[in-house]
Amino acid sequence: MEDLQKQLADWHDRDNHEQIIDTIENLREDELTSELIGILAVAYNNIGDHESLSRSIELLYSLEKELSKDCQWNYRIGFALYYLDSDGEALIHFKRVLALDPDNEQVKYFIGEIEANLED
């Protein structure tokens, strides 16, 4: 499993998100962990089209009971929701991240963008 995670990290660094998706989607269900599902969701987020972002949200919601208070989970789902123009829902998740990580500049940026959009 450690070799797989190193390979996935290498593909991520090289923006080879399709390879990550193909590899994880082809694992047996009993091989999937919440960490691998999270990595898969990030790969779909990085593809960035509507279908991929929707798939990311689907994957992340499958982990909600386990990870809903997790900073990384909230960031990932907030990111996907933001790019699907679901600002209100994204804001909820980004504010959870900020409560857990008050110095997170990326989240502050997203919150600022959302709040500006909601004011318009």
C-alpha atoms as a PDB file:
ATOM      1  CA  MET A   1       0.000   0.000   0.000  1.00  0.00           C
ATOM      2  CA  GLU A   2       2.902   2.343   0.750  1.00  0.00           C
ATOM      3  CA  ASP A   3       4.211   1.899  -2.811  1.00  0.00           C
ATOM      4  CA  LEU A   4       0.775   2.734  -4.212  1.00  0.00           C
ATOM      5  CA  GLN A   5       0.553   5.911  -2.134  1.00  0.00           C
ATOM      6  CA  LYS A   6       4.024   6.994  -3.302  1.00  0.00           C
ATOM      7  CA  GLN A   7       2.985   6.381  -6.905  1.00  0.00           C
ATOM      8  CA  LEU A   8      -0.264   8.317  -6.427  1.00  0.00           C
ATOM      9  CA  ALA A   9       1.650  11.234  -4.885  1.00  0.00           C
ATOM     10  CA  ASP A  10       4.072  11.213  -7.828  1.00  0.00           C
ATOM     11  CA  TRP A  11       1.196  11.256 -10.324  1.00  0.00           C
ATOM     12  CA  HIS A  12      -0.430  14.091  -8.378  1.00  0.00           C
ATOM     13  CA  ASP A  13       2.794  16.112  -8.510  1.00  0.00           C
ATOM     14  CA  ARG A  14       2.916  15.539 -12.277  1.00  0.00           C
ATOM     15  CA  ASP A  15      -0.761  16.522 -12.737  1.00  0.00           C
ATOM     16  CA  ASN A  16      -1.535  13.017 -13.972  1.00  0.00           C
ATOM     17  CA  HIS A  17      -4.963  12.947 -12.379  1.00  0.00           C
ATOM     18  CA  GLU A  18      -6.466  10.579 -14.946  1.00  0.00           C
ATOM     19  CA  GLN A  19      -3.933   7.897 -13.944  1.00  0.00           C
ATOM     20  CA  ILE A  20      -4.870   8.345 -10.285  1.00  0.00           C
ATOM     21  CA  ILE A  21      -8.543   7.997 -11.149  1.00  0.00           C
ATOM     22  CA  ASP A  22      -8.012   4.913 -13.325  1.00  0.00           C
ATOM     23  CA  THR A  23      -5.859   3.219 -10.706  1.00  0.00           C
ATOM     24  CA  ILE A  24      -8.095   3.819  -7.697  1.00  0.00           C
ATOM     25  CA  GLU A  25     -11.352   3.212  -9.569  1.00  0.00           C
ATOM     26  CA  ASN A  26      -9.982  -0.200 -10.598  1.00  0.00           C
ATOM     27  CA  LEU A  27      -9.184  -1.313  -7.049  1.00  0.00           C
ATOM     28  CA  ARG A  28     -11.423  -3.865  -5.415  1.00  0.00           C
ATOM     29  CA  GLU A  29     -13.900  -2.436  -2.921  1.00  0.00           C
ATOM     30  CA  ASP A  30     -12.139  -4.195  -0.045  1.00  0.00           C
ATOM     31  CA  GLU A  31      -8.900  -2.390  -1.011  1.00  0.00           C
ATOM     32  CA  LEU A  32     -10.418   1.082  -0.744  1.00  0.00           C
ATOM     33  CA  THR A  33      -9.709   3.145   2.341  1.00  0.00           C
ATOM     34  CA  SER A  34     -11.043   6.551   3.280  1.00  0.00           C
ATOM     35  CA  GLU A  35      -7.593   7.942   2.455  1.00  0.00           C
ATOM     36  CA  LEU A  36      -7.662   6.468  -1.067  1.00  0.00           C
ATOM     37  CA  ILE A  37     -11.205   7.717  -1.613  1.00  0.00           C
ATOM     38  CA  GLY A  38     -10.033  11.178  -0.524  1.00  0.00           C
ATOM     39  CA  ILE A  39      -7.124  11.039  -2.977  1.00  0.00           C
ATOM     40  CA  LEU A  40      -9.556   9.973  -5.694  1.00  0.00           C
ATOM     41  CA  ALA A  41     -11.843  12.896  -4.857  1.00  0.00           C
ATOM     42  CA  VAL A  42      -8.892  15.310  -5.135  1.00  0.00           C
ATOM     43  CA  ALA A  43      -8.010  13.889  -8.553  1.00  0.00           C
ATOM     44  CA  TYR A  44     -11.584  14.468  -9.698  1.00  0.00           C
ATOM     45  CA  ASN A  45     -11.474  18.005  -8.236  1.00  0.00           C
ATOM     46  CA  ASN A  46      -8.293  18.652 -10.195  1.00  0.00           C
ATOM     47  CA  ILE A  47      -9.912  17.549 -13.468  1.00  0.00           C
ATOM     48  CA  GLY A  48     -12.352  20.355 -12.685  1.00  0.00           C
ATOM     49  CA  ASP A  49     -15.231  19.777 -15.104  1.00  0.00           C
ATOM     50  CA  HIS A  50     -18.817  19.564 -13.882  1.00  0.00           C
ATOM     51  CA  GLU A  51     -18.979  15.773 -14.084  1.00  0.00           C
ATOM     52  CA  SER A  52     -15.685  15.318 -12.229  1.00  0.00           C
ATOM     53  CA  LEU A  53     -16.576  17.800  -9.498  1.00  0.00           C
ATOM     54  CA  SER A  54     -19.926  16.073  -9.039  1.00  0.00           C
ATOM     55  CA  ARG A  55     -18.160  12.705  -8.740  1.00  0.00           C
ATOM     56  CA  SER A  56     -15.802  14.186  -6.160  1.00  0.00           C
ATOM     57  CA  ILE A  57     -18.729  15.365  -4.057  1.00  0.00           C
ATOM     58  CA  GLU A  58     -20.368  11.948  -4.323  1.00  0.00           C
ATOM     59  CA  LEU A  59     -17.171  10.278  -3.098  1.00  0.00           C
ATOM     60  CA  LEU A  60     -16.666  12.771  -0.289  1.00  0.00           C
ATOM     61  CA  TYR A  61     -20.246  12.450   0.938  1.00  0.00           C
ATOM     62  CA  SER A  62     -19.647   8.690   1.206  1.00  0.00           C
ATOM     63  CA  LEU A  63     -17.112   9.572   3.932  1.00  0.00           C
ATOM     64  CA  GLU A  64     -19.224  12.202   5.701  1.00  0.00           C
ATOM     65  CA  LYS A  65     -20.059  10.174   8.829  1.00  0.00           C
ATOM     66  CA  GLU A  66     -16.406   9.314   9.331  1.00  0.00           C
ATOM     67  CA  LEU A  67     -14.764  12.618   8.389  1.00  0.00           C
ATOM     68  CA  SER A  68     -17.270  15.483   8.660  1.00  0.00           C
ATOM     69  CA  LYS A  69     -15.218  17.172  11.384  1.00  0.00           C
ATOM     70  CA  ASP A  70     -11.954  16.735   9.458  1.00  0.00           C
ATOM     71  CA  CYS A  71     -10.274  19.856   8.103  1.00  0.00           C
ATOM     72  CA  GLN A  72      -9.089  18.219   4.879  1.00  0.00           C
ATOM     73  CA  TRP A  73     -12.486  16.646   4.137  1.00  0.00           C
ATOM     74  CA  ASN A  74     -14.244  19.991   4.589  1.00  0.00           C
ATOM     75  CA  TYR A  75     -11.712  21.731   2.358  1.00  0.00           C
ATOM     76  CA  ARG A  76     -12.070  19.153  -0.407  1.00  0.00           C
ATOM     77  CA  ILE A  77     -15.845  19.263  -0.439  1.00  0.00           C
ATOM     78  CA  GLY A  78     -15.905  23.059  -0.100  1.00  0.00           C
ATOM     79  CA  PHE A  79     -13.569  23.291  -3.086  1.00  0.00           C
ATOM     80  CA  ALA A  80     -15.792  21.086  -5.268  1.00  0.00           C
ATOM     81  CA  LEU A  81     -18.945  22.930  -4.205  1.00  0.00           C
ATOM     82  CA  TYR A  82     -17.318  26.302  -4.867  1.00  0.00           C
ATOM     83  CA  TYR A  83     -16.432  25.353  -8.421  1.00  0.00           C
ATOM     84  CA  LEU A  84     -19.954  24.012  -8.960  1.00  0.00           C
ATOM     85  CA  ASP A  85     -21.266  27.465  -7.952  1.00  0.00           C
ATOM     86  CA  SER A  86     -22.821  26.165  -4.740  1.00  0.00           C
ATOM     87  CA  ASP A  87     -21.481  29.112  -2.760  1.00  0.00           C
ATOM     88  CA  GLY A  88     -23.732  28.754   0.268  1.00  0.00           C
ATOM     89  CA  GLU A  89     -22.825  25.118   0.841  1.00  0.00           C
ATOM     90  CA  ALA A  90     -19.152  25.748   0.097  1.00  0.00           C
ATOM     91  CA  LEU A  91     -19.098  28.581   2.626  1.00  0.00           C
ATOM     92  CA  ILE A  92     -20.326  26.250   5.386  1.00  0.00           C
ATOM     93  CA  HIS A  93     -17.450  23.847   4.753  1.00  0.00           C
ATOM     94  CA  PHE A  94     -14.809  26.548   4.361  1.00  0.00           C
ATOM     95  CA  LYS A  95     -15.895  28.135   7.663  1.00  0.00           C
ATOM     96  CA  ARG A  96     -15.473  24.729   9.336  1.00  0.00           C
ATOM     97  CA  VAL A  97     -11.938  24.578   7.944  1.00  0.00           C
ATOM     98  CA  LEU A  98     -11.197  28.080   9.215  1.00  0.00           C
ATOM     99  CA  ALA A  99     -12.462  27.150  12.684  1.00  0.00           C
ATOM    100  CA  LEU A 100      -9.996  24.241  12.720  1.00  0.00           C
ATOM    101  CA  ASP A 101      -7.172  26.059  10.927  1.00  0.00           C
ATOM    102  CA  PRO A 102      -7.512  29.838  11.474  1.00  0.00           C
ATOM    103  CA  ASP A 103      -4.333  30.633   9.516  1.00  0.00           C
ATOM    104  CA  ASN A 104      -5.379  28.875   6.307  1.00  0.00           C
ATOM    105  CA  GLU A 105      -4.905  31.573   3.667  1.00  0.00           C
ATOM    106  CA  GLN A 106      -6.472  29.550   0.832  1.00  0.00           C
ATOM    107  CA  VAL A 107      -9.676  29.151   2.796  1.00  0.00           C
ATOM    108  CA  LYS A 108      -9.699  32.830   3.696  1.00  0.00           C
ATOM    109  CA  TYR A 109      -9.438  33.599  -0.022  1.00  0.00           C
ATOM    110  CA  PHE A 110     -12.365  31.321  -0.889  1.00  0.00           C
ATOM    111  CA  ILE A 111     -14.488  32.739   1.929  1.00  0.00           C
ATOM    112  CA  GLY A 112     -13.755  36.275   0.738  1.00  0.00           C
ATOM    113  CA  GLU A 113     -14.709  35.367  -2.827  1.00  0.00           C
ATOM    114  CA  ILE A 114     -17.930  33.700  -1.725  1.00  0.00           C
ATOM    115  CA  GLU A 115     -18.950  36.546   0.567  1.00  0.00           C
ATOM    116  CA  ALA A 116     -18.304  39.063  -2.234  1.00  0.00           C
ATOM    117  CA  ASN A 117     -20.419  36.960  -4.605  1.00  0.00           C
ATOM    118  CA  LEU A 118     -23.230  36.693  -2.087  1.00  0.00           C
ATOM    119  CA  GLU A 119     -23.249  40.486  -1.616  1.00  0.00           C
ATOM    120  CA  ASP A 120     -23.777  41.084  -5.351  1.00  0.00           C
END
